[in-house]
N, C-alpha and C. Protein backbone atom coordinates (compact mmCIF):
# COMPACT_ATOMS: atom_id res chain seq x y z
N UNK A 1 126.62 95.00 102.94
CA UNK A 1 126.00 95.23 104.25
C UNK A 1 125.66 94.14 104.98
N UNK A 2 125.90 94.35 106.21
CA UNK A 2 125.42 93.31 107.22
C UNK A 2 124.18 94.14 108.12
N UNK A 3 123.28 93.69 108.11
CA UNK A 3 122.20 93.92 108.63
C UNK A 3 121.83 93.12 110.23
N UNK A 4 122.89 92.45 110.37
CA UNK A 4 123.50 91.23 111.67
C UNK A 4 122.11 91.61 112.76
N UNK A 5 120.97 90.99 113.27
CA UNK A 5 120.13 90.83 114.27
C UNK A 5 119.66 92.38 114.13
N UNK A 6 119.26 93.23 113.20
CA UNK A 6 118.72 94.47 113.05
C UNK A 6 116.97 93.72 112.70
N UNK A 7 116.06 94.11 113.26
CA UNK A 7 114.55 93.52 113.24
C UNK A 7 114.11 94.29 112.55
N UNK A 8 113.43 93.83 111.13
CA UNK A 8 112.81 94.31 110.09
C UNK A 8 111.58 93.69 109.78
N UNK A 9 110.65 95.14 109.69
CA UNK A 9 109.07 94.56 109.32
C UNK A 9 109.30 94.53 107.83
N UNK A 10 108.66 94.35 106.60
CA UNK A 10 108.42 94.38 105.16
C UNK A 10 106.81 94.22 105.34
N UNK A 11 106.09 94.99 105.49
CA UNK A 11 104.73 94.93 105.30
C UNK A 11 104.13 94.14 103.95
N UNK A 12 103.43 93.57 103.51
CA UNK A 12 102.93 92.51 102.66
C UNK A 12 103.94 91.85 102.00
N UNK A 13 104.97 91.51 103.09
CA UNK A 13 106.18 90.52 102.82
C UNK A 13 105.85 89.16 101.92
N UNK A 14 104.78 88.32 102.11
CA UNK A 14 104.63 87.32 101.94
C UNK A 14 104.81 87.09 100.38
N UNK A 15 104.37 88.12 99.36
CA UNK A 15 104.54 87.57 98.27
C UNK A 15 104.70 89.24 97.25
N UNK A 16 105.32 88.62 95.95
CA UNK A 16 105.80 89.79 95.16
C UNK A 16 107.24 90.53 95.78
N UNK A 17 106.86 91.97 95.44
CA UNK A 17 108.30 93.24 95.57
C UNK A 17 108.17 92.82 97.22
N UNK A 18 107.19 92.76 98.20
CA UNK A 18 108.07 92.88 99.51
C UNK A 18 108.62 91.50 99.98
N UNK A 19 108.14 90.32 99.15
CA UNK A 19 108.76 89.33 99.93
C UNK A 19 110.32 89.44 99.38
N UNK A 20 110.25 89.87 98.26
CA UNK A 20 111.94 90.25 97.53
C UNK A 20 112.48 91.18 98.65
N UNK A 21 111.89 92.00 99.09
CA UNK A 21 112.26 93.01 100.05
C UNK A 21 113.00 92.20 101.17
N UNK A 22 112.31 91.15 101.87
CA UNK A 22 112.23 90.50 102.96
C UNK A 22 113.29 89.72 102.94
N UNK A 23 113.38 89.11 101.53
CA UNK A 23 114.48 87.93 100.89
C UNK A 23 115.74 88.58 101.34
N UNK A 24 115.78 89.56 100.78
CA UNK A 24 117.29 90.22 100.80
C UNK A 24 117.63 90.75 101.92
N UNK A 25 116.93 91.21 103.10
CA UNK A 25 117.02 91.77 104.08
C UNK A 25 117.67 90.23 104.96
N UNK A 26 117.20 89.23 104.93
CA UNK A 26 117.31 87.97 105.64
C UNK A 26 118.77 87.13 105.19
N UNK A 27 118.76 87.78 103.66
CA UNK A 27 119.96 87.35 103.43
C UNK A 27 121.87 87.52 103.79
N UNK A 28 121.57 89.28 104.02
CA UNK A 28 122.29 90.33 105.14
C UNK A 28 122.15 89.88 106.37
N UNK A 29 121.58 89.27 106.91
CA UNK A 29 121.58 88.96 108.68
C UNK A 29 120.67 89.11 109.07
N UNK A 30 119.43 90.09 108.48
CA UNK A 30 118.36 91.00 109.61
C UNK A 30 117.66 89.74 110.13
N UNK A 31 116.80 89.95 111.33
CA UNK A 31 115.80 89.23 111.59
C UNK A 31 114.18 90.04 111.02
N UNK A 32 113.61 88.92 110.50
CA UNK A 32 112.96 89.67 109.45
C UNK A 32 111.41 88.85 109.88
N UNK A 33 110.68 90.05 110.07
CA UNK A 33 108.99 90.07 110.31
C UNK A 33 108.22 90.05 109.36
N UNK A 34 108.44 88.71 108.63
CA UNK A 34 106.81 88.24 107.18
C UNK A 34 105.76 88.46 107.82
N UNK A 35 104.88 89.61 107.31
CA UNK A 35 103.76 89.73 107.34
C UNK A 35 102.83 90.10 106.50
N UNK A 36 101.61 89.62 106.15
CA UNK A 36 100.60 89.52 105.65
C UNK A 36 99.21 89.56 106.31
N UNK A 37 98.00 90.07 105.28
CA UNK A 37 96.62 89.63 106.11
C UNK A 37 96.73 88.17 106.16
N UNK A 38 97.37 87.35 105.85
CA UNK A 38 96.85 85.75 105.84
C UNK A 38 98.20 85.37 106.57
N UNK A 39 98.16 84.67 107.55
CA UNK A 39 98.89 83.91 108.64
C UNK A 39 99.74 82.87 108.11
N UNK A 40 98.80 82.05 107.16
CA UNK A 40 99.21 80.86 106.55
C UNK A 40 100.39 81.02 105.19
N UNK A 41 99.96 82.50 104.37
CA UNK A 41 100.76 82.42 103.56
C UNK A 41 102.07 83.06 104.02
N UNK A 42 102.07 83.96 105.19
CA UNK A 42 103.25 84.73 105.71
C UNK A 42 104.46 83.79 106.57
N UNK A 43 103.86 82.44 107.12
CA UNK A 43 104.47 81.19 107.36
C UNK A 43 105.09 80.25 106.23
N UNK A 44 104.26 80.32 105.24
CA UNK A 44 105.02 79.81 103.72
C UNK A 44 105.96 80.55 103.03
N UNK A 45 105.80 82.09 103.30
CA UNK A 45 107.01 82.89 102.91
C UNK A 45 108.22 82.80 103.89
N UNK A 46 108.02 83.09 104.80
CA UNK A 46 109.18 82.99 105.99
C UNK A 46 109.71 81.71 106.14
N UNK A 47 109.34 80.36 105.52
CA UNK A 47 109.96 79.15 105.66
C UNK A 47 111.32 79.30 104.17
N UNK A 48 111.05 80.40 103.77
CA UNK A 48 111.74 80.32 102.26
C UNK A 48 112.89 81.34 102.70
N UNK A 49 113.07 82.11 103.68
CA UNK A 49 114.34 83.22 104.12
C UNK A 49 115.16 82.18 105.20
N UNK A 50 116.57 82.73 104.69
CA UNK A 50 117.23 82.44 105.54
C UNK A 50 117.16 83.14 107.52
N UNK A 51 117.97 82.38 108.00
CA UNK A 51 118.00 83.16 109.14
C UNK A 51 116.76 82.82 110.48
N UNK A 52 116.89 84.06 111.20
CA UNK A 52 115.88 84.39 111.99
C UNK A 52 114.57 85.23 111.21
N UNK A 53 112.95 84.23 111.19
CA UNK A 53 112.31 84.74 110.66
C UNK A 53 111.05 85.04 112.12
N UNK A 54 109.92 85.55 111.62
CA UNK A 54 109.14 85.76 112.49
C UNK A 54 107.48 86.15 111.44
N UNK A 55 106.92 85.16 111.46
CA UNK A 55 105.82 85.06 110.45
C UNK A 55 104.53 85.64 111.28
N UNK A 56 103.39 86.80 111.10
CA UNK A 56 102.45 87.11 112.06
C UNK A 56 101.35 87.84 110.65
N UNK A 57 100.45 87.62 110.94
CA UNK A 57 99.42 88.16 110.49
C UNK A 57 99.13 90.15 110.52
N UNK A 58 99.08 90.48 109.76
CA UNK A 58 98.40 91.91 110.32
C UNK A 58 97.23 92.69 109.13
N UNK A 59 96.80 93.41 109.23
CA UNK A 59 95.54 94.45 108.80
C UNK A 59 96.05 95.85 108.62
N UNK A 60 96.81 96.11 107.39
CA UNK A 60 97.44 97.70 107.37
C UNK A 60 95.96 98.79 108.00
N UNK A 61 95.01 98.11 107.45
CA UNK A 61 93.70 98.97 107.73
C UNK A 61 93.09 99.29 109.09
N UNK A 62 93.45 97.99 110.12
CA UNK A 62 92.62 98.08 110.85
C UNK A 62 93.70 98.60 112.30
N UNK A 63 93.44 99.55 112.87
CA UNK A 63 94.22 99.93 114.16
C UNK A 63 94.38 98.74 114.62
N UNK A 64 93.52 98.40 115.08
CA UNK A 64 93.44 96.95 116.60
C UNK A 64 94.37 95.56 116.04
N UNK A 65 94.42 95.40 114.61
CA UNK A 65 95.59 94.40 114.67
C UNK A 65 96.57 95.38 114.33
N UNK A 66 96.94 96.16 113.90
CA UNK A 66 98.11 97.03 114.04
C UNK A 66 98.95 97.04 115.06
N UNK A 67 98.22 97.54 116.47
CA UNK A 67 98.54 98.18 118.00
C UNK A 67 99.06 96.06 118.36
N UNK A 68 97.80 94.95 117.95
CA UNK A 68 98.46 93.29 118.24
C UNK A 68 99.84 92.72 117.75
N UNK A 69 99.98 94.07 116.13
CA UNK A 69 100.91 93.05 115.67
C UNK A 69 102.02 93.75 116.42
N UNK A 70 102.12 95.10 116.48
CA UNK A 70 103.49 95.67 116.96
C UNK A 70 103.68 95.39 118.43
N UNK A 71 102.36 94.68 119.39
CA UNK A 71 103.21 94.28 120.66
C UNK A 71 103.35 92.43 120.50
N UNK A 72 103.31 91.72 119.65
CA UNK A 72 103.89 90.65 119.20
C UNK A 72 105.12 90.80 118.59
N UNK A 73 105.52 91.77 117.81
CA UNK A 73 107.05 92.10 117.15
C UNK A 73 107.84 92.63 118.54
N UNK A 74 106.82 93.34 119.51
CA UNK A 74 107.88 94.50 120.52
C UNK A 74 108.10 92.86 121.95
N UNK A 75 107.87 92.20 121.81
CA UNK A 75 107.26 90.84 122.95
C UNK A 75 108.58 89.84 122.66
N UNK A 76 108.38 89.77 121.17
CA UNK A 76 109.80 88.74 120.61
C UNK A 76 111.05 89.38 120.87
N UNK A 77 111.20 90.57 119.89
CA UNK A 77 112.30 91.13 119.88
C UNK A 77 112.66 92.49 120.38
N UNK A 78 111.64 93.16 121.34
CA UNK A 78 112.03 94.50 122.24
C UNK A 78 112.50 95.15 121.27
N UNK A 79 112.39 95.25 120.24
CA UNK A 79 112.90 96.59 119.29
C UNK A 79 112.35 96.54 117.83
N UNK A 80 112.56 97.39 116.70
CA UNK A 80 112.09 97.49 115.70
C UNK A 80 112.83 98.09 114.72
N UNK A 81 113.80 97.97 114.10
CA UNK A 81 115.32 99.08 113.70
C UNK A 81 114.68 99.27 112.24
N UNK A 82 113.77 98.56 111.38
CA UNK A 82 113.40 98.71 109.85
C UNK A 82 112.38 98.55 109.99
N UNK A 83 111.68 99.43 109.41
CA UNK A 83 110.14 99.43 108.79
C UNK A 83 110.03 99.74 107.10
N UNK A 84 109.88 98.98 106.65
CA UNK A 84 109.29 99.05 105.06
C UNK A 84 107.92 98.37 104.88
N UNK A 85 106.91 100.03 104.63
CA UNK A 85 105.88 100.01 104.17
C UNK A 85 105.62 99.64 102.80
N UNK A 86 105.38 98.37 102.63
CA UNK A 86 104.81 97.68 101.40
C UNK A 86 103.88 97.54 100.74
N UNK A 87 103.68 97.30 102.02
CA UNK A 87 101.60 96.58 101.40
C UNK A 87 101.13 97.74 100.53
N UNK A 88 100.27 96.53 99.97
CA UNK A 88 99.65 97.66 98.88
C UNK A 88 98.26 97.13 98.38
N UNK A 89 97.38 97.68 98.12
CA UNK A 89 96.03 97.42 97.93
C UNK A 89 95.95 96.27 96.62
N UNK A 90 95.61 95.40 96.63
CA UNK A 90 95.71 94.28 95.43
C UNK A 90 94.89 94.44 94.42
N UNK A 91 95.49 93.38 93.36
CA UNK A 91 94.82 93.63 92.24
C UNK A 91 93.41 93.79 92.00
N UNK A 92 92.70 94.42 91.71
CA UNK A 92 91.27 94.13 91.35
C UNK A 92 90.62 94.65 89.93
N UNK A 93 90.38 94.09 88.86
CA UNK A 93 90.11 93.87 87.64
C UNK A 93 88.98 95.09 87.95
N UNK A 94 88.24 94.92 88.40
CA UNK A 94 86.59 95.91 88.62
C UNK A 94 87.23 97.41 88.72
N UNK A 95 88.49 97.43 89.36
CA UNK A 95 88.66 98.57 90.10
C UNK A 95 90.05 99.24 88.77
N UNK A 96 91.32 98.75 89.13
CA UNK A 96 92.31 99.10 88.39
C UNK A 96 91.99 99.26 86.88
N UNK A 97 91.28 98.54 86.47
CA UNK A 97 90.97 99.01 84.81
C UNK A 97 90.17 100.30 84.62
N UNK A 98 89.75 100.60 85.06
CA UNK A 98 88.70 102.22 85.41
C UNK A 98 89.22 103.35 84.98
N UNK A 99 88.42 104.11 84.27
CA UNK A 99 89.43 105.17 84.09
C UNK A 99 89.51 106.00 85.58
N UNK A 100 89.76 107.42 85.80
CA UNK A 100 90.05 107.86 87.08
C UNK A 100 88.48 108.51 87.44
N UNK A 101 87.62 109.38 86.23
CA UNK A 101 86.24 109.38 86.59
C UNK A 101 84.81 108.36 86.49
N UNK A 102 85.17 107.14 86.41
CA UNK A 102 84.47 106.49 86.50
C UNK A 102 84.47 105.04 88.39
N UNK A 103 85.67 105.59 88.79
CA UNK A 103 86.06 104.96 89.99
C UNK A 103 84.86 105.56 91.39
N UNK A 104 84.59 104.91 91.93
CA UNK A 104 83.69 105.10 93.49
C UNK A 104 84.80 105.72 94.67
N UNK A 105 84.00 106.59 95.14
CA UNK A 105 85.05 107.00 96.27
C UNK A 105 84.89 106.26 97.14
N UNK A 106 84.66 105.27 97.13
CA UNK A 106 84.54 103.61 97.97
C UNK A 106 85.73 103.30 97.58
N UNK A 107 86.15 103.28 96.23
CA UNK A 107 87.21 102.23 95.77
C UNK A 107 88.26 102.62 95.98
N UNK A 108 87.90 104.37 96.00
CA UNK A 108 89.45 104.89 96.39
C UNK A 108 89.79 105.26 97.56
N UNK A 109 89.08 105.16 98.64
CA UNK A 109 89.04 105.22 100.29
C UNK A 109 90.06 103.76 100.56
N UNK A 110 89.03 102.76 99.53
CA UNK A 110 90.13 100.98 99.72
C UNK A 110 91.47 101.90 99.62
N UNK A 111 91.47 101.62 98.70
CA UNK A 111 93.08 101.88 98.15
C UNK A 111 94.21 102.80 98.84
N UNK A 112 93.53 104.00 99.27
CA UNK A 112 94.67 105.08 100.16
C UNK A 112 94.20 104.42 101.23
N UNK A 113 93.56 103.31 102.03
CA UNK A 113 93.79 103.10 103.14
C UNK A 113 94.72 101.69 103.44
N UNK A 114 95.07 100.97 102.20
CA UNK A 114 96.22 100.03 102.48
C UNK A 114 97.36 100.64 101.97
N UNK A 115 97.36 101.50 100.73
CA UNK A 115 98.66 102.07 100.06
C UNK A 115 99.04 103.39 101.16
């Protein structure tokens, strides 16, 4: 299936599952917006994809960061065709290995804000 010239955003695409999703989109001709909380990681990942990419930084838990991100994409490509909300709270031994009743409201809120 060709996705030629479709503008695709995959959040959390600098590594892991998001990286692989973005890679597949790039192989099918999409313009891929590679993004994470780290611009450096986004740039490194984008270099590994085919075709047109744009590496950006975005914190999906920060409304102003998301607005700035969307403005940058729109300025460059004037559209967004596909959005894959892949970003997830990073693995944290001190949170993920607790039993549900041992976790704090703050820890749960951090996870929900990203996921």
